[in-house]
Protein backbone atom coordinates (compact mmCIF):
# COMPACT_ATOMS: atom_id res chain seq x y z
CA MET A 1 0.00 0.00 0.00
CA THR A 2 1.40 3.41 -0.94
CA ALA A 3 1.74 6.28 1.52
CA ALA A 4 -0.81 8.29 -0.48
CA VAL A 5 -3.39 5.52 -0.22
CA MET A 6 -2.72 5.06 3.52
CA HIS A 7 -3.11 8.81 4.08
CA LEU A 8 -6.38 8.79 2.15
CA GLU A 9 -7.71 5.91 4.27
CA LEU A 10 -6.82 7.76 7.47
CA ALA A 11 -8.57 10.88 6.24
CA PHE A 12 -11.75 8.91 5.53
CA SER A 13 -11.69 7.16 8.90
CA ARG A 14 -11.56 10.40 10.89
CA PRO A 15 -15.31 11.23 10.64
CA GLU A 16 -16.13 7.63 11.58
CA THR A 17 -13.84 7.88 14.61
CA THR A 18 -15.44 11.18 15.64
CA LEU A 19 -18.93 9.75 15.29
CA GLY A 20 -18.05 6.61 17.23
CA VAL A 21 -16.35 8.45 20.09
CA THR A 22 -19.21 10.96 20.26
CA ARG A 23 -21.85 8.21 20.45
CA GLY A 24 -19.90 6.23 23.02
CA THR A 25 -19.35 9.33 25.15
CA ALA A 26 -23.05 10.21 25.04
CA ARG A 27 -23.92 6.63 26.01
CA LEU A 28 -21.44 6.77 28.89
CA MET A 29 -22.91 10.05 30.12
CA ALA A 30 -26.39 8.51 30.07
CA ASP A 31 -25.10 5.43 31.93
CA LEU A 32 -23.66 7.77 34.58
CA GLY A 33 -27.05 9.46 35.05
CA TYR A 34 -26.49 12.51 32.86
CA ALA A 35 -28.75 13.72 30.04
CA PRO A 36 -26.48 14.39 27.03
CA LEU A 37 -27.03 16.60 24.01
CA LEU A 38 -24.68 16.68 21.02
CA GLU A 39 -23.30 19.77 19.31
CA VAL A 40 -24.51 22.40 21.74
CA GLY A 41 -23.82 26.05 20.94
CA LEU A 42 -22.40 28.07 23.81
CA PRO A 43 -22.86 31.79 24.54
CA ASN A 44 -19.26 32.51 23.47
CA GLY A 45 -19.90 31.14 19.96
CA ARG A 46 -18.14 27.81 20.56
CA ARG A 47 -19.84 24.45 20.11
CA ALA A 48 -19.56 21.65 22.67
CA ASP A 49 -19.39 18.18 21.09
CA VAL A 50 -21.22 16.65 24.06
CA MET A 51 -22.86 18.63 26.83
CA ALA A 52 -24.59 16.75 29.63
CA LEU A 53 -26.83 17.77 32.50
CA GLY A 54 -26.48 15.77 35.70
CA PRO A 55 -29.12 14.75 38.22
CA ARG A 56 -28.14 17.59 40.57
CA GLY A 57 -27.94 20.20 37.81
CA GLU A 58 -24.21 19.86 37.18
CA ILE A 59 -23.05 20.56 33.64
CA VAL A 60 -20.32 18.53 31.92
CA ILE A 61 -18.74 19.27 28.53
CA CYS A 62 -16.84 16.60 26.58
CA GLU A 63 -14.60 17.62 23.69
CA VAL A 64 -14.16 14.80 21.18
CA LYS A 65 -10.75 14.47 19.54
CA SER A 66 -10.53 12.13 16.56
CA GLY A 67 -6.75 12.05 16.45
CA ILE A 68 -3.54 13.78 17.41
CA ASP A 69 -3.75 16.26 14.51
CA ASP A 70 -7.26 17.26 15.61
CA TYR A 71 -5.96 17.91 19.14
CA ARG A 72 -2.89 19.87 18.03
CA CYS A 73 -4.66 22.18 15.58
CA ASP A 74 -7.74 22.87 17.73
CA GLN A 75 -6.88 24.66 20.95
CA LYS A 76 -10.30 26.23 21.56
CA TRP A 77 -11.13 23.73 24.29
CA GLY A 78 -9.81 26.14 26.92
CA GLU A 79 -12.81 28.36 26.22
CA TYR A 80 -15.32 25.76 27.49
CA GLY A 81 -14.43 26.04 31.18
CA PRO A 82 -16.67 29.02 31.97
CA PHE A 83 -19.69 27.02 30.76
CA CYS A 84 -19.35 23.76 32.70
CA ASP A 85 -18.64 22.32 36.11
CA ALA A 86 -16.36 19.67 34.61
CA PHE A 87 -14.52 19.32 31.29
CA TYR A 88 -13.38 16.07 29.63
CA PHE A 89 -11.53 15.09 26.51
CA ALA A 90 -13.13 12.08 24.84
CA VAL A 91 -10.86 10.02 22.60
CA ALA A 92 -10.69 6.64 20.87
CA PRO A 93 -8.71 3.82 22.53
CA GLU A 94 -5.77 4.25 20.14
CA PHE A 95 -5.37 7.98 20.86
CA PRO A 96 -1.98 8.87 22.48
CA GLN A 97 -3.40 9.94 25.85
CA GLN A 98 -0.10 11.28 27.22
CA VAL A 99 -0.38 14.41 24.99
CA LEU A 100 -3.64 15.55 26.62
CA ASP A 101 -3.68 18.22 29.30
CA GLU A 102 -3.67 16.38 32.64
CA ALA A 103 -5.79 19.09 34.24
CA CYS A 104 -8.74 17.87 32.15
CA GLY A 105 -10.81 14.76 32.61
CA LEU A 106 -10.33 11.88 30.17
CA ILE A 107 -12.86 9.54 28.59
CA VAL A 108 -11.93 6.71 26.25
CA ALA A 109 -14.85 5.66 24.06
CA ASP A 110 -15.91 3.83 20.93
CA ALA A 111 -19.33 3.61 19.28
CA PHE A 112 -20.65 1.25 21.96
CA GLY A 113 -19.72 3.05 25.15
CA GLY A 114 -16.85 4.45 27.12
CA ALA A 115 -15.05 4.74 30.41
CA VAL A 116 -13.84 7.61 32.54
CA ILE A 117 -10.07 7.18 32.75
CA ARG A 118 -9.37 10.38 34.66
CA GLU A 119 -11.91 12.44 36.57
CA ALA A 120 -12.24 16.09 35.67
CA THR A 121 -11.52 18.82 38.16
CA ARG A 122 -14.83 20.22 39.38
CA THR A 123 -15.23 23.99 39.26
CA PRO A 124 -18.80 24.94 40.19
CA LEU A 125 -20.55 27.45 37.97
CA ALA A 126 -21.99 30.66 39.39
CA PRO A 127 -25.71 30.19 40.12
CA ALA A 128 -26.90 32.76 37.56
CA ARG A 129 -24.80 31.19 34.79
CA ARG A 130 -25.95 27.68 35.77
CA LYS A 131 -29.58 28.80 35.57
CA ALA A 132 -29.11 30.42 32.15
CA LEU A 133 -27.24 27.40 30.75
CA THR A 134 -29.74 24.92 32.18
CA LEU A 135 -32.66 26.84 30.67
CA ALA A 136 -30.92 27.03 27.27
CA PHE A 137 -30.09 23.30 27.48
CA ALA A 138 -33.70 22.40 28.27
CA ARG A 139 -35.06 24.56 25.45
CA LEU A 140 -32.59 23.06 22.97
CA GLY A 141 -33.52 19.53 23.97
CA ALA A 142 -37.24 20.29 23.72
CA LEU A 143 -36.90 21.93 20.32
CA ARG A 144 -34.81 19.04 19.00
CA SER A 145 -37.44 16.57 20.17
CA ILE A 146 -40.06 18.05 17.83
CA ARG A 147 -37.71 18.51 14.88
CA ASP A 148 -36.46 14.91 14.70
């Protein structure tokens, strides 16, 4: 197999990896008692890959990384902190985990589920921000339920 063909195969597998890790992360969040939504717009214009609301109102954001290039060229993840109580990277099993920021939580997932490898540091949101985010989350979920 030539290098060009191998590169092409890797490029095509990236969306499949992203989809699988996203699904597995959402399934894990549900298994842990959270209600996940995918691709949630945030007030700062960013988009969370997975945002989940916990049973006590806690908000978790999971940033899916399909590969090392995706991680290295996309450094916007630092802008999610003000909109969650806990932040995780979610990656496929073959992802080189040692490159990820150790201050963040870590989830390893595939299309069927996932596992929390490293817990995220918890930084509670201010009550007014939590209320605004929770209301926006609920409205988004409700609107999506009638559009699908």
